[in-house]
Amino acid sequence: MVRVLATGTFDILHPGHLVYLEEAKKLGDELWVIVACSSMVNHKPKPLLPEEQRLIMVRSLKVVDHALLGDAHDMFKPLTDIKPDIIVLGHDQHFREVDLERELTSRGITAKVVRVTKYEPCSTCSSGAIIKLILKKTRLHLRENYVK
């Protein structure tokens, strides 16, 4: 059985997340997903949604076999329990495959790192794009209805 691991923040679920997870699932028999703890998100703005809510949403996806919250101090810690055969990166995740493989090897984790390059090219296929759209529409609504 090939165990595949995908990770992410999953702040606002959107079609891009589904494409990422569906492509990851194709690489093996069992898809595990680690939802990042808010405290570990340092490469972009902190998530809007609480980590427990993000985990519940990811767990509810049909493509996901197992989902858990990441460690609040060491993002590699859950990998020792999961023992993935393949770790899948999304097209826009900030890790470099070579650097990640080197870190995994130094921790005794022998997983292949694969980057999914397929993505959903739409205007609302990223959490950041959704937030920007909400802000834009809110400003427009305020101008049209309250600013005279």
N, C-alpha and C. Protein backbone atom coordinates (compact mmCIF):
# COMPACT_ATOMS: atom_id res chain seq x y z
N MET A 1 0.84 -1.18 0.00
CA MET A 1 0.00 0.00 0.00
C MET A 1 0.89 1.24 0.00
N VAL A 2 0.64 2.13 -0.94
CA VAL A 2 1.41 3.38 -1.06
C VAL A 2 0.68 4.48 -0.30
N ARG A 3 1.36 5.04 0.68
CA ARG A 3 0.80 6.10 1.53
C ARG A 3 1.31 7.45 1.03
N VAL A 4 0.36 8.30 0.67
CA VAL A 4 0.67 9.63 0.13
C VAL A 4 0.30 10.68 1.18
N LEU A 5 1.14 11.69 1.30
CA LEU A 5 0.90 12.77 2.26
C LEU A 5 0.88 14.11 1.54
N ALA A 6 -0.17 14.87 1.80
CA ALA A 6 -0.28 16.25 1.30
C ALA A 6 -0.41 17.15 2.52
N THR A 7 0.11 18.36 2.41
CA THR A 7 0.04 19.30 3.52
C THR A 7 -0.42 20.65 3.01
N GLY A 8 -0.94 21.46 3.92
CA GLY A 8 -1.32 22.81 3.53
C GLY A 8 -2.03 23.53 4.65
N THR A 9 -2.33 24.78 4.41
CA THR A 9 -3.06 25.60 5.37
C THR A 9 -4.56 25.37 5.22
N PHE A 10 -5.03 25.31 3.99
CA PHE A 10 -6.44 25.05 3.68
C PHE A 10 -7.35 26.06 4.40
N ASP A 11 -6.99 27.34 4.28
CA ASP A 11 -7.73 28.39 4.99
C ASP A 11 -9.16 28.51 4.48
N ILE A 12 -9.32 28.73 3.21
CA ILE A 12 -10.65 28.80 2.61
C ILE A 12 -10.64 27.77 1.49
N LEU A 13 -11.36 26.67 1.67
CA LEU A 13 -11.34 25.62 0.66
C LEU A 13 -11.87 26.15 -0.67
N HIS A 14 -11.19 25.78 -1.75
CA HIS A 14 -11.55 26.23 -3.09
C HIS A 14 -11.16 25.15 -4.09
N PRO A 15 -11.55 25.28 -5.35
CA PRO A 15 -11.26 24.25 -6.35
C PRO A 15 -9.78 23.91 -6.49
N GLY A 16 -8.89 24.86 -6.26
CA GLY A 16 -7.46 24.58 -6.34
C GLY A 16 -7.03 23.54 -5.31
N HIS A 17 -7.61 23.61 -4.10
CA HIS A 17 -7.31 22.61 -3.08
C HIS A 17 -7.77 21.22 -3.55
N LEU A 18 -8.95 21.18 -4.14
CA LEU A 18 -9.47 19.88 -4.59
C LEU A 18 -8.60 19.27 -5.68
N VAL A 19 -8.15 20.08 -6.61
CA VAL A 19 -7.26 19.58 -7.67
C VAL A 19 -5.98 19.04 -7.05
N TYR A 20 -5.39 19.78 -6.14
CA TYR A 20 -4.16 19.36 -5.46
C TYR A 20 -4.35 18.01 -4.77
N LEU A 21 -5.43 17.87 -4.00
CA LEU A 21 -5.66 16.64 -3.25
C LEU A 21 -6.04 15.48 -4.17
N GLU A 22 -6.80 15.75 -5.21
CA GLU A 22 -7.15 14.69 -6.16
C GLU A 22 -5.91 14.18 -6.90
N GLU A 23 -5.04 15.09 -7.29
CA GLU A 23 -3.80 14.69 -7.97
C GLU A 23 -2.90 13.91 -7.01
N ALA A 24 -2.86 14.33 -5.76
CA ALA A 24 -2.06 13.62 -4.77
C ALA A 24 -2.58 12.20 -4.58
N LYS A 25 -3.88 12.05 -4.48
CA LYS A 25 -4.50 10.73 -4.27
C LYS A 25 -4.17 9.77 -5.41
N LYS A 26 -4.05 10.27 -6.62
CA LYS A 26 -3.73 9.43 -7.78
C LYS A 26 -2.36 8.75 -7.66
N LEU A 27 -1.50 9.29 -6.79
CA LEU A 27 -0.14 8.77 -6.68
C LEU A 27 -0.03 7.57 -5.74
N GLY A 28 -1.10 7.21 -5.07
CA GLY A 28 -1.03 6.10 -4.13
C GLY A 28 -2.38 5.53 -3.79
N ASP A 29 -2.40 4.76 -2.71
CA ASP A 29 -3.62 4.08 -2.28
C ASP A 29 -4.34 4.79 -1.15
N GLU A 30 -3.58 5.55 -0.36
CA GLU A 30 -4.12 6.15 0.85
C GLU A 30 -3.61 7.59 0.94
N LEU A 31 -4.54 8.54 1.07
CA LEU A 31 -4.15 9.96 1.16
C LEU A 31 -4.31 10.47 2.59
N TRP A 32 -3.18 10.88 3.13
CA TRP A 32 -3.14 11.54 4.43
C TRP A 32 -2.93 13.03 4.18
N VAL A 33 -3.58 13.86 4.99
CA VAL A 33 -3.42 15.31 4.85
C VAL A 33 -3.11 15.90 6.22
N ILE A 34 -2.06 16.71 6.25
CA ILE A 34 -1.74 17.47 7.45
C ILE A 34 -2.19 18.91 7.21
N VAL A 35 -3.05 19.39 8.10
CA VAL A 35 -3.51 20.78 8.07
C VAL A 35 -2.60 21.56 9.00
N ALA A 36 -1.97 22.58 8.48
CA ALA A 36 -0.98 23.35 9.25
C ALA A 36 -1.62 24.06 10.44
N CYS A 37 -0.93 23.96 11.58
CA CYS A 37 -1.32 24.75 12.75
C CYS A 37 -1.12 26.23 12.41
N SER A 38 -1.98 27.05 12.91
CA SER A 38 -1.87 28.49 12.64
C SER A 38 -0.51 29.03 13.07
N SER A 39 0.02 28.53 14.18
CA SER A 39 1.30 29.01 14.70
C SER A 39 2.46 28.70 13.76
N MET A 40 2.30 27.72 12.88
CA MET A 40 3.38 27.32 11.97
C MET A 40 3.31 28.03 10.62
N VAL A 41 2.27 28.81 10.38
CA VAL A 41 2.13 29.52 9.11
C VAL A 41 2.89 30.83 9.21
N ASN A 42 4.08 30.86 8.61
CA ASN A 42 4.94 32.04 8.69
C ASN A 42 5.32 32.59 7.33
N HIS A 43 4.97 31.90 6.27
CA HIS A 43 5.38 32.29 4.92
C HIS A 43 4.32 33.11 4.20
N LYS A 44 3.18 33.33 4.85
CA LYS A 44 2.09 34.11 4.29
C LYS A 44 1.24 34.60 5.45
N PRO A 45 0.22 35.43 5.19
CA PRO A 45 -0.62 35.89 6.31
C PRO A 45 -1.23 34.72 7.07
N LYS A 46 -1.42 34.91 8.36
CA LYS A 46 -2.03 33.86 9.19
C LYS A 46 -3.44 33.54 8.67
N PRO A 47 -3.86 32.30 8.83
CA PRO A 47 -5.20 31.92 8.36
C PRO A 47 -6.30 32.71 9.06
N LEU A 48 -7.39 32.91 8.34
CA LEU A 48 -8.56 33.56 8.92
C LEU A 48 -9.36 32.58 9.77
N LEU A 49 -9.45 31.35 9.30
CA LEU A 49 -10.27 30.36 9.98
C LEU A 49 -9.47 29.61 11.03
N PRO A 50 -10.11 29.24 12.14
CA PRO A 50 -9.42 28.49 13.18
C PRO A 50 -8.95 27.13 12.65
N GLU A 51 -7.85 26.63 13.18
CA GLU A 51 -7.27 25.38 12.67
C GLU A 51 -8.22 24.20 12.83
N GLU A 52 -9.00 24.16 13.90
CA GLU A 52 -9.93 23.04 14.09
C GLU A 52 -10.99 23.03 12.99
N GLN A 53 -11.45 24.21 12.59
CA GLN A 53 -12.45 24.31 11.53
C GLN A 53 -11.85 23.90 10.19
N ARG A 54 -10.62 24.31 9.93
CA ARG A 54 -9.96 23.92 8.69
C ARG A 54 -9.77 22.40 8.63
N LEU A 55 -9.44 21.80 9.76
CA LEU A 55 -9.28 20.35 9.83
C LEU A 55 -10.60 19.63 9.56
N ILE A 56 -11.68 20.09 10.16
CA ILE A 56 -13.00 19.49 9.93
C ILE A 56 -13.37 19.54 8.46
N MET A 57 -13.09 20.67 7.81
CA MET A 57 -13.43 20.82 6.39
C MET A 57 -12.63 19.84 5.53
N VAL A 58 -11.34 19.73 5.80
CA VAL A 58 -10.49 18.82 5.02
C VAL A 58 -10.91 17.37 5.26
N ARG A 59 -11.20 17.02 6.50
CA ARG A 59 -11.64 15.65 6.82
C ARG A 59 -12.92 15.28 6.08
N SER A 60 -13.75 16.26 5.78
CA SER A 60 -15.04 15.98 5.14
C SER A 60 -14.93 15.69 3.64
N LEU A 61 -13.75 15.94 3.07
CA LEU A 61 -13.58 15.73 1.63
C LEU A 61 -13.47 14.24 1.31
N LYS A 62 -14.21 13.80 0.32
CA LYS A 62 -14.25 12.39 -0.07
C LYS A 62 -12.87 11.85 -0.44
N VAL A 63 -12.03 12.65 -1.06
CA VAL A 63 -10.72 12.21 -1.54
C VAL A 63 -9.74 11.95 -0.39
N VAL A 64 -10.00 12.49 0.78
CA VAL A 64 -9.09 12.40 1.92
C VAL A 64 -9.42 11.16 2.76
N ASP A 65 -8.41 10.32 2.97
CA ASP A 65 -8.60 9.13 3.82
C ASP A 65 -8.37 9.44 5.29
N HIS A 66 -7.36 10.25 5.58
CA HIS A 66 -7.01 10.62 6.96
C HIS A 66 -6.54 12.06 6.97
N ALA A 67 -6.96 12.82 7.98
CA ALA A 67 -6.48 14.20 8.12
C ALA A 67 -6.20 14.46 9.59
N LEU A 68 -5.14 15.21 9.83
CA LEU A 68 -4.79 15.57 11.19
C LEU A 68 -4.17 16.95 11.20
N LEU A 69 -4.18 17.54 12.38
CA LEU A 69 -3.56 18.84 12.57
C LEU A 69 -2.07 18.66 12.74
N GLY A 70 -1.29 19.52 12.12
CA GLY A 70 0.15 19.45 12.24
C GLY A 70 0.62 19.79 13.64
N ASP A 71 1.88 19.54 13.89
CA ASP A 71 2.49 19.85 15.18
C ASP A 71 2.69 21.36 15.30
N ALA A 72 2.51 21.89 16.48
CA ALA A 72 2.61 23.33 16.70
C ALA A 72 4.05 23.83 16.78
N HIS A 73 5.03 22.90 16.81
CA HIS A 73 6.43 23.32 16.96
C HIS A 73 7.36 22.74 15.90
N ASP A 74 7.03 21.54 15.40
CA ASP A 74 7.91 20.86 14.45
C ASP A 74 7.06 20.23 13.35
N MET A 75 7.10 20.82 12.17
CA MET A 75 6.23 20.35 11.09
C MET A 75 6.58 18.94 10.62
N PHE A 76 7.77 18.46 10.96
CA PHE A 76 8.18 17.13 10.53
C PHE A 76 7.75 16.03 11.51
N LYS A 77 7.36 16.39 12.71
CA LYS A 77 7.04 15.41 13.74
C LYS A 77 5.94 14.43 13.32
N PRO A 78 4.82 14.87 12.76
CA PRO A 78 3.77 13.91 12.39
C PRO A 78 4.22 12.90 11.32
N LEU A 79 5.23 13.24 10.54
CA LEU A 79 5.68 12.34 9.48
C LEU A 79 6.26 11.05 10.03
N THR A 80 6.83 11.10 11.22
CA THR A 80 7.40 9.88 11.81
C THR A 80 6.31 8.88 12.16
N ASP A 81 5.11 9.36 12.47
CA ASP A 81 3.98 8.46 12.75
C ASP A 81 3.28 8.01 11.46
N ILE A 82 3.14 8.93 10.52
CA ILE A 82 2.42 8.62 9.27
C ILE A 82 3.24 7.69 8.38
N LYS A 83 4.54 7.90 8.34
CA LYS A 83 5.44 7.11 7.49
C LYS A 83 5.01 7.12 6.01
N PRO A 84 4.96 8.32 5.41
CA PRO A 84 4.53 8.39 4.01
C PRO A 84 5.57 7.82 3.05
N ASP A 85 5.08 7.27 1.96
CA ASP A 85 5.95 6.83 0.88
C ASP A 85 6.23 8.00 -0.07
N ILE A 86 5.22 8.86 -0.22
CA ILE A 86 5.31 10.00 -1.12
C ILE A 86 4.77 11.23 -0.39
N ILE A 87 5.48 12.33 -0.50
CA ILE A 87 5.00 13.62 0.00
C ILE A 87 4.77 14.49 -1.21
N VAL A 88 3.56 15.02 -1.29
CA VAL A 88 3.15 15.80 -2.47
C VAL A 88 3.09 17.28 -2.13
N LEU A 89 3.77 18.07 -2.94
CA LEU A 89 3.72 19.53 -2.82
C LEU A 89 2.79 20.08 -3.89
N GLY A 90 2.07 21.13 -3.54
CA GLY A 90 1.24 21.81 -4.52
C GLY A 90 2.07 22.69 -5.42
N HIS A 91 1.48 23.11 -6.52
CA HIS A 91 2.23 23.91 -7.51
C HIS A 91 2.76 25.21 -6.93
N ASP A 92 2.10 25.74 -5.90
CA ASP A 92 2.51 27.03 -5.36
C ASP A 92 3.11 26.96 -3.95
N GLN A 93 3.36 25.76 -3.45
CA GLN A 93 3.94 25.66 -2.13
C GLN A 93 5.41 26.09 -2.16
N HIS A 94 5.84 26.74 -1.10
CA HIS A 94 7.13 27.43 -1.08
C HIS A 94 8.35 26.52 -0.89
N PHE A 95 8.16 25.25 -0.64
CA PHE A 95 9.30 24.33 -0.46
C PHE A 95 9.96 24.02 -1.80
N ARG A 96 11.28 23.84 -1.75
CA ARG A 96 12.00 23.28 -2.90
C ARG A 96 12.13 21.80 -2.63
N GLU A 97 11.82 20.98 -3.63
CA GLU A 97 11.83 19.53 -3.48
C GLU A 97 13.16 19.01 -2.93
N VAL A 98 14.26 19.50 -3.48
CA VAL A 98 15.59 19.05 -3.07
C VAL A 98 15.85 19.36 -1.60
N ASP A 99 15.51 20.57 -1.18
CA ASP A 99 15.72 20.96 0.22
C ASP A 99 14.86 20.12 1.16
N LEU A 100 13.63 19.86 0.76
CA LEU A 100 12.74 19.06 1.59
C LEU A 100 13.25 17.63 1.70
N GLU A 101 13.68 17.04 0.59
CA GLU A 101 14.21 15.67 0.63
C GLU A 101 15.45 15.59 1.52
N ARG A 102 16.29 16.60 1.46
CA ARG A 102 17.49 16.63 2.30
C ARG A 102 17.11 16.65 3.78
N GLU A 103 16.13 17.49 4.13
CA GLU A 103 15.69 17.58 5.53
C GLU A 103 15.04 16.26 5.98
N LEU A 104 14.25 15.67 5.12
CA LEU A 104 13.62 14.38 5.45
C LEU A 104 14.68 13.32 5.71
N THR A 105 15.67 13.24 4.83
CA THR A 105 16.75 12.26 4.97
C THR A 105 17.50 12.46 6.29
N SER A 106 17.75 13.71 6.65
CA SER A 106 18.46 13.99 7.90
C SER A 106 17.66 13.55 9.12
N ARG A 107 16.35 13.40 8.96
CA ARG A 107 15.48 12.97 10.06
C ARG A 107 15.12 11.49 9.95
N GLY A 108 15.73 10.80 9.00
CA GLY A 108 15.48 9.37 8.85
C GLY A 108 14.17 9.03 8.17
N ILE A 109 13.62 9.99 7.43
CA ILE A 109 12.35 9.77 6.73
C ILE A 109 12.68 9.53 5.25
N THR A 110 12.29 8.37 4.75
CA THR A 110 12.62 8.00 3.36
C THR A 110 11.38 8.10 2.49
N ALA A 111 10.97 9.29 2.18
CA ALA A 111 9.81 9.52 1.33
C ALA A 111 10.24 10.25 0.07
N LYS A 112 9.62 9.91 -1.02
CA LYS A 112 9.85 10.62 -2.28
C LYS A 112 9.02 11.90 -2.26
N VAL A 113 9.61 13.00 -2.74
CA VAL A 113 8.89 14.27 -2.80
C VAL A 113 8.51 14.54 -4.25
N VAL A 114 7.23 14.80 -4.45
CA VAL A 114 6.68 15.03 -5.79
C VAL A 114 5.91 16.34 -5.77
N ARG A 115 6.07 17.13 -6.82
CA ARG A 115 5.30 18.38 -6.93
C ARG A 115 4.19 18.18 -7.96
N VAL A 116 2.96 18.50 -7.55
CA VAL A 116 1.83 18.48 -8.47
C VAL A 116 1.85 19.80 -9.23
N THR A 117 1.91 19.72 -10.54
CA THR A 117 1.96 20.96 -11.33
C THR A 117 0.59 21.35 -11.88
N LYS A 118 -0.35 20.42 -11.85
CA LYS A 118 -1.70 20.74 -12.32
C LYS A 118 -2.36 21.67 -11.31
N TYR A 119 -3.04 22.67 -11.81
CA TYR A 119 -3.78 23.57 -10.93
C TYR A 119 -4.99 24.10 -11.67
N GLU A 120 -5.92 24.64 -10.92
CA GLU A 120 -7.17 25.16 -11.46
C GLU A 120 -7.00 26.65 -11.73
N PRO A 121 -6.92 27.05 -13.02
CA PRO A 121 -6.70 28.47 -13.32
C PRO A 121 -8.01 29.26 -13.32
N CYS A 122 -8.43 29.69 -12.14
CA CYS A 122 -9.65 30.50 -12.07
C CYS A 122 -9.41 31.65 -11.10
N SER A 123 -10.25 32.63 -11.16
CA SER A 123 -10.04 33.85 -10.36
C SER A 123 -10.30 33.64 -8.87
N THR A 124 -10.94 32.54 -8.50
CA THR A 124 -11.20 32.27 -7.09
C THR A 124 -10.62 30.92 -6.66
N CYS A 125 -9.47 30.58 -7.23
CA CYS A 125 -8.82 29.30 -6.92
C CYS A 125 -7.62 29.47 -6.01
N SER A 126 -7.65 30.50 -5.20
CA SER A 126 -6.66 30.65 -4.13
C SER A 126 -7.35 31.41 -3.01
N SER A 127 -6.96 31.10 -1.78
CA SER A 127 -7.57 31.78 -0.63
C SER A 127 -7.32 33.28 -0.70
N GLY A 128 -6.10 33.66 -1.08
CA GLY A 128 -5.77 35.08 -1.20
C GLY A 128 -6.64 35.79 -2.22
N ALA A 129 -6.90 35.14 -3.36
CA ALA A 129 -7.75 35.74 -4.39
C ALA A 129 -9.18 35.90 -3.89
N ILE A 130 -9.67 34.93 -3.13
CA ILE A 130 -11.03 35.00 -2.59
C ILE A 130 -11.13 36.17 -1.60
N ILE A 131 -10.13 36.31 -0.75
CA ILE A 131 -10.13 37.40 0.23
C ILE A 131 -10.10 38.75 -0.48
N LYS A 132 -9.27 38.88 -1.50
CA LYS A 132 -9.20 40.14 -2.26
C LYS A 132 -10.54 40.46 -2.92
N LEU A 133 -11.19 39.44 -3.47
CA LEU A 133 -12.48 39.64 -4.12
C LEU A 133 -13.54 40.08 -3.11
N ILE A 134 -13.55 39.47 -1.94
CA ILE A 134 -14.49 39.87 -0.89
C ILE A 134 -14.25 41.32 -0.49
N LEU A 135 -12.99 41.68 -0.29
CA LEU A 135 -12.68 43.06 0.10
C LEU A 135 -13.10 44.05 -1.00
N LYS A 136 -12.83 43.71 -2.24
CA LYS A 136 -13.19 44.59 -3.35
C LYS A 136 -14.71 44.77 -3.42
N LYS A 137 -15.45 43.67 -3.32
CA LYS A 137 -16.91 43.76 -3.39
C LYS A 137 -17.48 44.48 -2.18
N THR A 138 -16.86 44.33 -1.02
CA THR A 138 -17.32 45.02 0.17
C THR A 138 -17.12 46.53 0.01
N ARG A 139 -15.92 46.92 -0.49
CA ARG A 139 -15.68 48.36 -0.71
C ARG A 139 -16.66 48.93 -1.73
N LEU A 140 -16.91 48.21 -2.79
CA LEU A 140 -17.86 48.64 -3.81
C LEU A 140 -19.26 48.78 -3.23
N HIS A 141 -19.67 47.79 -2.44
CA HIS A 141 -20.98 47.82 -1.80
C HIS A 141 -21.11 49.02 -0.87
N LEU A 142 -20.06 49.29 -0.10
CA LEU A 142 -20.10 50.43 0.82
C LEU A 142 -20.20 51.74 0.06
N ARG A 143 -19.42 51.88 -1.03
CA ARG A 143 -19.48 53.11 -1.82
C ARG A 143 -20.86 53.30 -2.45
N GLU A 144 -21.42 52.23 -2.99
CA GLU A 144 -22.71 52.33 -3.68
C GLU A 144 -23.86 52.60 -2.73
N ASN A 145 -23.77 52.09 -1.51
CA ASN A 145 -24.91 52.16 -0.61
C ASN A 145 -24.80 53.13 0.55
N TYR A 146 -23.58 53.53 0.89
CA TYR A 146 -23.44 54.35 2.09
C TYR A 146 -22.67 55.64 1.89
N VAL A 147 -21.93 55.78 0.82
CA VAL A 147 -21.18 56.98 0.59
C VAL A 147 -21.92 57.82 -0.45
N LYS A 148 -22.35 58.96 -0.06
CA LYS A 148 -23.12 59.83 -0.96
C LYS A 148 -22.35 61.08 -1.26
